[in-house]
Amino acid sequence: MASAPPLRRPALALLASLVAATSILAVVPGAVAEPRPTLRQVQAQVATLHHEAEAATERYNLARVQMVEVQRELRQVSKRLELAKAEVGGMQSAMGRMAAASYKSGSVGMGMQLLFSDDPEAFLQQATALDQLSRRQAVTLRKVTTARQRLAQERLAVDQQRERLARLQSVLAAEQRTIEDRIASAEALLASLRAEERARLEAARRAAVADARAQRANAPRASRDVRQTARTSSRTVTRRSYTGPASGRASIAVRTAYAQLGDPYRWGGTGPGSFDCSGLTSFAWRAAGVSLPHSSSAQYSSGRRVSRSSLQPGDLVFFYSPISHVGIYIGGGKMIDAPYPGTSVRITSISQLPYSGAVRP
């Protein structure tokens, strides 16, 4: 059998090498592209990002609550500082007048003045007056010293409040960047899905919103009445009787929460129309005449603690550690809450999240 022509031998060798290399790549781990994440894996990653965004939202909300308090304190200490400045200024003017009067009276010692005086009795009377003036000067000097110390303390207090305010403004900016970053990352993950997968998720989201709105429509008529009035004034409430187990102010808070079912989550949202978790609970209880801070961790300190076994409709239920989510209990182990970006106000079980505690406003 004739051998291959010399010019074809290199080509045959190269072809054999390529076949061998392809076979090796087929069995070497990591030599092929990473597989696309499954829909479930993407959903898990998105859920993690949304929870991180919600936790950052509640830290942002807490910083805003604290900033309002710091601004109030800054106004108070600034007012005290201006009063202290005016007090010190007035005393310094009085001391200046006293110093001028002392200078005009001369600098000769009292003993020499008595020795050369033409009228010693008159001089002694004058000396008594000068002694009294000296005592008044000493008292005034002590008052000036005290006032200056108070002025220094007020200046320090103003500086401290300004520093606190600057730190909180930095926290707000950092948390806002975190929120926006996590939401953008979640949206990018969802956008990387196949078109049919995105369609499935969108259909599920719309079904959840429709279900929430159906629950709102089927809620007691009083809850629907509250929704109509809440758009114009959160203080206006219906006089119809609530058909659920809550009573008094709690019934107003519960039916106000019912009236928001299906409204979208929006970080920093306090309604009407969109909410974050603590924005929803503060909105619901504000309708009942109770003011709650717009922060889940701050709300946890705004009422009487109740055990899980003693929960009543209207109670605030809290989740995670540190606390970063809150809902309003409606009975039967369920709550109304605004969960996280991309969702809407819903009814869900309190067992779906890591439970931390409850408070009765």
Protein backbone atom coordinates (compact mmCIF):
# COMPACT_ATOMS: atom_id res chain seq x y z
CA MET A 1 0.00 0.00 0.00
CA ALA A 2 1.44 3.39 -1.01
CA SER A 3 2.34 5.80 1.80
CA ALA A 4 0.80 9.29 2.06
CA PRO A 5 2.54 11.99 0.05
CA PRO A 6 5.06 13.99 2.13
CA LEU A 7 3.08 17.26 1.87
CA ARG A 8 -0.10 15.70 3.38
CA ARG A 9 1.58 14.25 6.48
CA PRO A 10 1.73 17.59 8.48
CA ALA A 11 -1.96 18.28 7.78
CA LEU A 12 -2.95 14.81 8.98
CA ALA A 13 -0.88 15.29 12.16
CA LEU A 14 -2.53 18.65 12.88
CA LEU A 15 -6.00 17.14 12.42
CA ALA A 16 -5.16 14.33 14.83
CA SER A 17 -3.95 16.84 17.43
CA LEU A 18 -7.18 18.87 17.19
CA VAL A 19 -9.30 15.73 17.66
CA ALA A 20 -7.27 14.72 20.71
CA ALA A 21 -7.51 18.22 22.23
CA THR A 22 -11.27 18.26 21.73
CA SER A 23 -11.58 14.91 23.50
CA ILE A 24 -9.52 16.17 26.45
CA LEU A 25 -11.60 19.37 26.80
CA ALA A 26 -14.74 17.26 26.89
CA VAL A 27 -13.64 15.50 30.07
CA VAL A 28 -11.61 18.17 31.90
CA PRO A 29 -13.76 19.80 34.66
CA GLY A 30 -14.19 23.54 34.27
CA ALA A 31 -13.10 23.49 30.64
CA VAL A 32 -16.65 24.22 29.46
CA ALA A 33 -18.79 27.33 30.07
CA GLU A 34 -20.72 27.57 33.33
CA PRO A 35 -24.35 26.46 32.95
CA ARG A 36 -27.04 29.12 33.09
CA PRO A 37 -28.60 29.43 36.58
CA THR A 38 -32.03 27.91 36.85
CA LEU A 39 -35.14 30.01 37.38
CA ARG A 40 -35.29 28.85 40.99
CA GLN A 41 -31.66 29.84 41.59
CA VAL A 42 -32.28 33.30 40.13
CA GLN A 43 -35.39 33.69 42.27
CA ALA A 44 -33.38 32.80 45.38
CA GLN A 45 -30.66 35.32 44.51
CA VAL A 46 -33.26 38.01 43.77
CA ALA A 47 -35.03 37.28 47.07
CA THR A 48 -31.71 37.73 48.92
CA LEU A 49 -31.05 41.04 47.16
CA HIS A 50 -34.58 42.25 47.89
CA HIS A 51 -34.23 41.37 51.56
CA GLU A 52 -30.92 43.25 51.71
CA ALA A 53 -32.62 46.22 50.04
CA GLU A 54 -35.47 46.10 52.56
CA ALA A 55 -33.04 45.85 55.50
CA ALA A 56 -31.14 48.86 54.15
CA THR A 57 -34.47 50.67 53.72
CA GLU A 58 -35.30 50.18 57.39
CA ARG A 59 -31.84 51.37 58.42
CA TYR A 60 -32.41 54.39 56.19
CA ASN A 61 -35.80 54.97 57.82
CA LEU A 62 -34.29 54.73 61.31
CA ALA A 63 -31.60 57.26 60.39
CA ARG A 64 -34.32 59.63 59.17
CA VAL A 65 -36.21 59.24 62.46
CA GLN A 66 -33.01 59.94 64.39
CA MET A 67 -32.21 62.92 62.17
CA VAL A 68 -35.56 64.53 62.92
CA GLU A 69 -34.79 64.23 66.64
CA VAL A 70 -31.26 65.60 66.20
CA GLN A 71 -32.58 68.54 64.18
CA ARG A 72 -35.08 69.27 66.96
CA GLU A 73 -32.34 69.14 69.58
CA LEU A 74 -30.08 71.30 67.42
CA ARG A 75 -32.77 73.97 67.22
CA GLN A 76 -33.14 73.90 71.01
CA VAL A 77 -29.42 74.12 71.81
CA SER A 78 -28.94 76.81 69.14
CA LYS A 79 -31.64 78.87 70.83
CA ARG A 80 -29.96 78.38 74.21
CA LEU A 81 -26.64 79.36 72.65
CA GLU A 82 -28.06 82.67 71.40
CA LEU A 83 -29.50 83.39 74.85
CA ALA A 84 -26.15 82.61 76.48
CA LYS A 85 -24.37 84.92 74.04
CA ALA A 86 -26.78 87.73 74.84
CA GLU A 87 -26.37 87.14 78.59
CA VAL A 88 -22.57 87.21 78.43
CA GLY A 89 -22.63 90.28 76.20
CA GLY A 90 -24.86 92.17 78.63
CA MET A 91 -22.69 91.23 81.62
CA GLN A 92 -19.51 92.22 79.84
CA SER A 93 -21.00 95.63 79.11
CA ALA A 94 -21.90 96.03 82.80
CA MET A 95 -18.38 95.02 83.84
CA GLY A 96 -16.97 97.58 81.41
CA ARG A 97 -19.03 100.33 82.99
CA MET A 98 -17.90 99.26 86.47
CA ALA A 99 -14.27 99.24 85.41
CA ALA A 100 -14.60 102.74 84.01
CA ALA A 101 -16.18 103.96 87.26
CA SER A 102 -13.34 102.42 89.29
CA TYR A 103 -10.78 104.09 87.10
CA LYS A 104 -12.40 107.49 87.52
CA SER A 105 -12.40 107.08 91.32
CA GLY A 106 -8.60 107.06 91.26
CA SER A 107 -5.95 104.49 92.09
CA VAL A 108 -4.66 105.85 95.46
CA GLY A 109 -5.03 103.37 98.28
CA MET A 110 -7.92 103.82 100.75
CA GLY A 111 -5.53 104.37 103.73
CA MET A 112 -3.67 107.21 102.03
CA GLN A 113 -6.95 108.78 100.88
CA LEU A 114 -8.17 108.78 104.51
CA LEU A 115 -4.89 110.32 105.77
CA PHE A 116 -5.02 113.29 103.39
CA SER A 117 -8.75 113.73 103.41
CA ASP A 118 -10.11 117.16 104.48
CA ASP A 119 -13.30 115.49 105.73
CA PRO A 120 -12.51 112.01 107.10
CA GLU A 121 -16.15 111.30 108.02
CA ALA A 122 -17.34 112.06 104.48
CA PHE A 123 -14.53 109.94 103.09
CA LEU A 124 -15.48 106.97 105.27
CA GLN A 125 -19.04 107.18 104.01
CA GLN A 126 -17.70 107.19 100.44
CA ALA A 127 -15.36 104.31 101.23
CA THR A 128 -18.30 102.23 102.49
CA ALA A 129 -20.09 102.87 99.20
CA LEU A 130 -16.94 101.92 97.28
CA ASP A 131 -16.65 98.72 99.31
CA GLN A 132 -20.23 97.84 98.48
CA LEU A 133 -19.47 98.59 94.82
CA SER A 134 -16.47 96.27 95.02
CA ARG A 135 -18.63 93.48 96.45
CA ARG A 136 -21.16 94.00 93.64
CA GLN A 137 -18.33 93.83 91.15
CA ALA A 138 -17.20 90.51 92.65
CA VAL A 139 -20.72 89.11 92.46
CA THR A 140 -21.04 90.32 88.86
CA LEU A 141 -17.68 88.81 88.00
CA ARG A 142 -18.79 85.44 89.36
CA LYS A 143 -21.99 85.67 87.31
CA VAL A 144 -20.00 86.53 84.18
CA THR A 145 -17.70 83.56 84.78
CA THR A 146 -20.68 81.24 85.20
CA ALA A 147 -22.36 82.68 82.11
CA ARG A 148 -19.20 82.18 80.06
CA GLN A 149 -18.98 78.56 81.20
CA ARG A 150 -22.62 78.07 80.22
CA LEU A 151 -21.88 79.66 76.84
CA ALA A 152 -18.99 77.25 76.25
CA GLN A 153 -21.22 74.30 77.15
CA GLU A 154 -23.93 75.42 74.73
CA ARG A 155 -21.36 75.88 71.96
CA LEU A 156 -20.11 72.35 72.61
CA ALA A 157 -23.69 71.02 72.54
CA VAL A 158 -24.34 72.74 69.20
CA ASP A 159 -21.11 71.31 67.75
CA GLN A 160 -22.01 67.81 68.96
CA GLN A 161 -25.49 67.96 67.42
CA ARG A 162 -24.05 69.22 64.15
CA GLU A 163 -21.58 66.32 64.14
CA ARG A 164 -24.41 63.85 64.80
CA LEU A 165 -26.40 65.39 61.98
CA ALA A 166 -23.46 65.09 59.59
CA ARG A 167 -22.95 61.41 60.55
CA LEU A 168 -26.63 60.65 59.98
CA GLN A 169 -26.54 62.37 56.60
CA SER A 170 -23.61 60.12 55.68
CA VAL A 171 -25.58 57.07 56.84
CA LEU A 172 -28.57 58.13 54.74
CA ALA A 173 -26.42 58.52 51.64
CA ALA A 174 -24.70 55.14 52.19
CA GLU A 175 -27.97 53.27 52.80
CA GLN A 176 -29.56 54.87 49.76
CA ARG A 177 -26.65 53.64 47.63
CA THR A 178 -27.08 50.16 49.11
CA ILE A 179 -30.81 50.14 48.39
CA GLU A 180 -30.40 51.31 44.82
CA ASP A 181 -27.51 48.88 44.21
CA ARG A 182 -29.44 45.85 45.49
CA ILE A 183 -32.56 46.75 43.50
CA ALA A 184 -30.49 47.31 40.34
CA SER A 185 -28.69 43.98 40.84
CA ALA A 186 -32.01 42.17 41.27
CA GLU A 187 -33.40 43.78 38.14
CA ALA A 188 -30.27 42.82 36.18
CA LEU A 189 -30.63 39.20 37.32
CA LEU A 190 -34.26 39.12 36.25
CA ALA A 191 -33.37 40.69 32.92
CA SER A 192 -30.83 37.88 32.30
CA LEU A 193 -33.62 35.28 32.30
CA ARG A 194 -35.06 33.86 29.13
CA ALA A 195 -38.13 35.63 27.79
CA GLU A 196 -40.44 32.77 28.74
CA GLU A 197 -39.05 32.71 32.29
CA ARG A 198 -39.55 36.45 32.70
CA ALA A 199 -43.09 36.03 31.40
CA ARG A 200 -43.78 33.34 34.02
CA LEU A 201 -42.51 35.55 36.84
CA GLU A 202 -44.50 38.54 35.60
CA ALA A 203 -47.63 36.41 35.39
CA ALA A 204 -47.06 35.23 38.97
CA ARG A 205 -46.56 38.83 40.14
CA ARG A 206 -49.76 39.98 38.45
CA ALA A 207 -51.66 37.04 39.93
CA ALA A 208 -50.41 37.98 43.42
CA VAL A 209 -51.52 41.60 42.95
CA ALA A 210 -54.91 40.46 41.61
CA ASP A 211 -55.32 38.13 44.57
CA ALA A 212 -54.49 40.92 47.02
CA ARG A 213 -56.97 43.25 45.36
CA ALA A 214 -59.60 40.53 45.44
CA GLN A 215 -58.98 40.14 49.17
CA ARG A 216 -59.41 43.90 49.51
CA ALA A 217 -62.64 43.79 47.53
CA ASN A 218 -63.95 40.96 49.70
CA ALA A 219 -62.90 42.67 52.93
CA PRO A 220 -65.55 44.18 55.22
CA ARG A 221 -67.30 47.16 53.67
CA ALA A 222 -65.78 49.35 56.37
CA SER A 223 -62.31 48.61 54.98
CA ARG A 224 -63.33 49.71 51.49
CA ASP A 225 -64.81 52.91 52.91
CA VAL A 226 -61.51 53.63 54.64
CA ARG A 227 -59.68 53.32 51.33
CA GLN A 228 -61.82 56.04 49.81
CA THR A 229 -61.24 58.47 52.70
CA ALA A 230 -57.55 57.59 53.16
CA ARG A 231 -56.67 59.15 49.81
CA THR A 232 -57.66 62.59 51.08
CA SER A 233 -57.00 62.43 54.80
CA SER A 234 -55.49 59.62 56.84
CA ARG A 235 -57.29 61.04 59.88
CA THR A 236 -60.74 60.56 58.35
CA VAL A 237 -62.20 57.17 59.27
CA THR A 238 -65.53 55.51 58.67
CA ARG A 239 -68.10 55.09 61.43
CA ARG A 240 -69.25 51.69 60.17
CA SER A 241 -68.66 48.79 62.54
CA TYR A 242 -65.77 46.40 61.80
CA THR A 243 -66.94 42.80 61.35
CA GLY A 244 -63.65 41.20 62.42
CA PRO A 245 -62.35 40.46 65.92
CA ALA A 246 -60.54 43.78 66.44
CA SER A 247 -62.16 46.63 68.35
CA GLY A 248 -61.56 50.30 69.06
CA ARG A 249 -58.49 51.90 67.53
CA ALA A 250 -57.09 48.49 66.54
CA SER A 251 -60.12 47.89 64.29
CA ILE A 252 -59.46 51.20 62.49
CA ALA A 253 -55.79 50.27 61.99
CA VAL A 254 -56.67 46.79 60.70
CA ARG A 255 -59.32 47.90 58.25
CA THR A 256 -57.03 50.70 57.04
CA ALA A 257 -54.37 48.06 56.35
CA TYR A 258 -56.96 45.92 54.52
CA ALA A 259 -57.78 48.91 52.35
CA GLN A 260 -54.18 49.07 51.05
CA LEU A 261 -54.01 45.46 49.78
CA GLY A 262 -52.52 45.38 46.29
CA ASP A 263 -50.72 48.72 46.61
CA PRO A 264 -47.08 48.47 45.44
CA TYR A 265 -44.02 48.37 47.66
CA ARG A 266 -41.85 51.47 47.39
CA TRP A 267 -38.84 52.02 49.62
CA GLY A 268 -39.42 55.05 51.83
CA GLY A 269 -43.13 54.95 50.93
CA THR A 270 -45.59 56.13 53.58
CA GLY A 271 -48.72 56.16 51.42
CA PRO A 272 -51.21 56.68 50.20
CA GLY A 273 -50.78 54.41 47.20
CA SER A 274 -47.36 52.87 47.93
CA PHE A 275 -45.53 51.76 51.06
CA ASP A 276 -42.55 50.10 52.60
CA CYS A 277 -43.19 47.84 55.60
CA SER A 278 -42.97 50.40 58.40
CA GLY A 279 -44.61 53.02 56.19
CA LEU A 280 -47.68 50.79 55.93
CA THR A 281 -47.97 50.13 59.67
CA SER A 282 -47.46 53.79 60.57
CA PHE A 283 -50.08 54.76 57.96
CA ALA A 284 -52.60 52.25 59.33
CA TRP A 285 -52.18 53.32 62.95
CA ARG A 286 -52.10 57.02 62.08
CA ALA A 287 -55.65 56.59 60.77
CA ALA A 288 -56.53 55.44 64.30
CA GLY A 289 -54.93 58.52 65.84
CA VAL A 290 -51.67 56.85 66.93
CA SER A 291 -48.34 58.25 65.72
CA LEU A 292 -45.63 55.67 65.04
CA PRO A 293 -42.07 56.36 63.82
CA HIS A 294 -41.37 55.35 60.23
CA SER A 295 -38.91 52.59 61.19
CA SER A 296 -39.49 48.95 62.08
CA SER A 297 -36.81 48.92 64.80
CA ALA A 298 -38.12 52.20 66.26
CA GLN A 299 -41.71 50.87 66.20
CA TYR A 300 -40.55 47.89 68.24
CA SER A 301 -39.92 50.36 71.08
CA SER A 302 -43.22 52.20 70.60
CA GLY A 303 -45.64 50.04 72.53
CA ARG A 304 -46.22 47.26 75.03
CA ARG A 305 -44.55 43.94 74.21
CA VAL A 306 -46.91 40.99 73.79
CA SER A 307 -46.18 37.29 73.49
CA ARG A 308 -46.88 35.38 70.30
CA SER A 309 -49.59 33.40 72.06
CA SER A 310 -51.35 36.62 73.10
CA LEU A 311 -51.43 38.30 69.68
CA GLN A 312 -54.55 40.31 68.82
CA PRO A 313 -55.57 41.97 65.54
CA GLY A 314 -53.85 45.33 65.23
CA ASP A 315 -50.66 44.25 66.99
CA LEU A 316 -47.39 44.93 65.20
CA VAL A 317 -45.35 41.80 64.43
CA PHE A 318 -41.59 42.01 63.79
CA PHE A 319 -39.10 39.82 61.94
CA TYR A 320 -35.37 39.11 61.52
CA SER A 321 -32.50 39.97 63.86
CA PRO A 322 -31.71 42.79 63.87
CA ILE A 323 -35.32 43.76 63.20
CA SER A 324 -35.82 44.83 59.59
CA HIS A 325 -39.48 43.99 58.81
CA VAL A 326 -42.87 44.69 60.38
CA GLY A 327 -46.47 43.80 59.59
CA ILE A 328 -49.87 44.33 61.19
CA TYR A 329 -51.48 41.23 62.68
CA ILE A 330 -55.05 40.47 61.53
CA GLY A 331 -55.72 37.19 63.39
CA GLY A 332 -55.51 33.52 62.50
CA GLY A 333 -51.72 33.57 62.33
CA LYS A 334 -51.79 36.07 59.44
CA MET A 335 -50.65 39.63 58.88
CA ILE A 336 -50.85 42.38 56.29
CA ASP A 337 -47.45 43.65 55.21
CA ALA A 338 -45.56 45.41 52.43
CA PRO A 339 -42.89 42.78 51.75
CA TYR A 340 -40.09 44.04 49.44
CA PRO A 341 -39.39 45.72 46.08
CA GLY A 342 -41.34 44.33 43.17
CA THR A 343 -44.29 43.16 45.30
CA SER A 344 -47.45 44.65 46.73
CA VAL A 345 -49.23 44.87 50.08
CA ARG A 346 -50.51 41.37 50.84
CA ILE A 347 -51.90 38.99 53.44
CA THR A 348 -49.44 36.31 54.50
CA SER A 349 -48.64 33.98 57.41
CA ILE A 350 -46.43 35.27 60.18
CA SER A 351 -44.68 31.88 60.05
CA GLN A 352 -43.21 32.68 56.62
CA LEU A 353 -40.48 34.88 58.15
CA PRO A 354 -38.13 34.59 61.16
CA TYR A 355 -40.31 35.94 63.95
CA SER A 356 -38.75 38.39 66.46
CA GLY A 357 -41.59 39.70 68.61
CA ALA A 358 -44.73 41.83 68.78
CA VAL A 359 -45.88 45.18 70.17
CA ARG A 360 -49.33 46.54 70.95
CA PRO A 361 -49.44 50.31 70.14
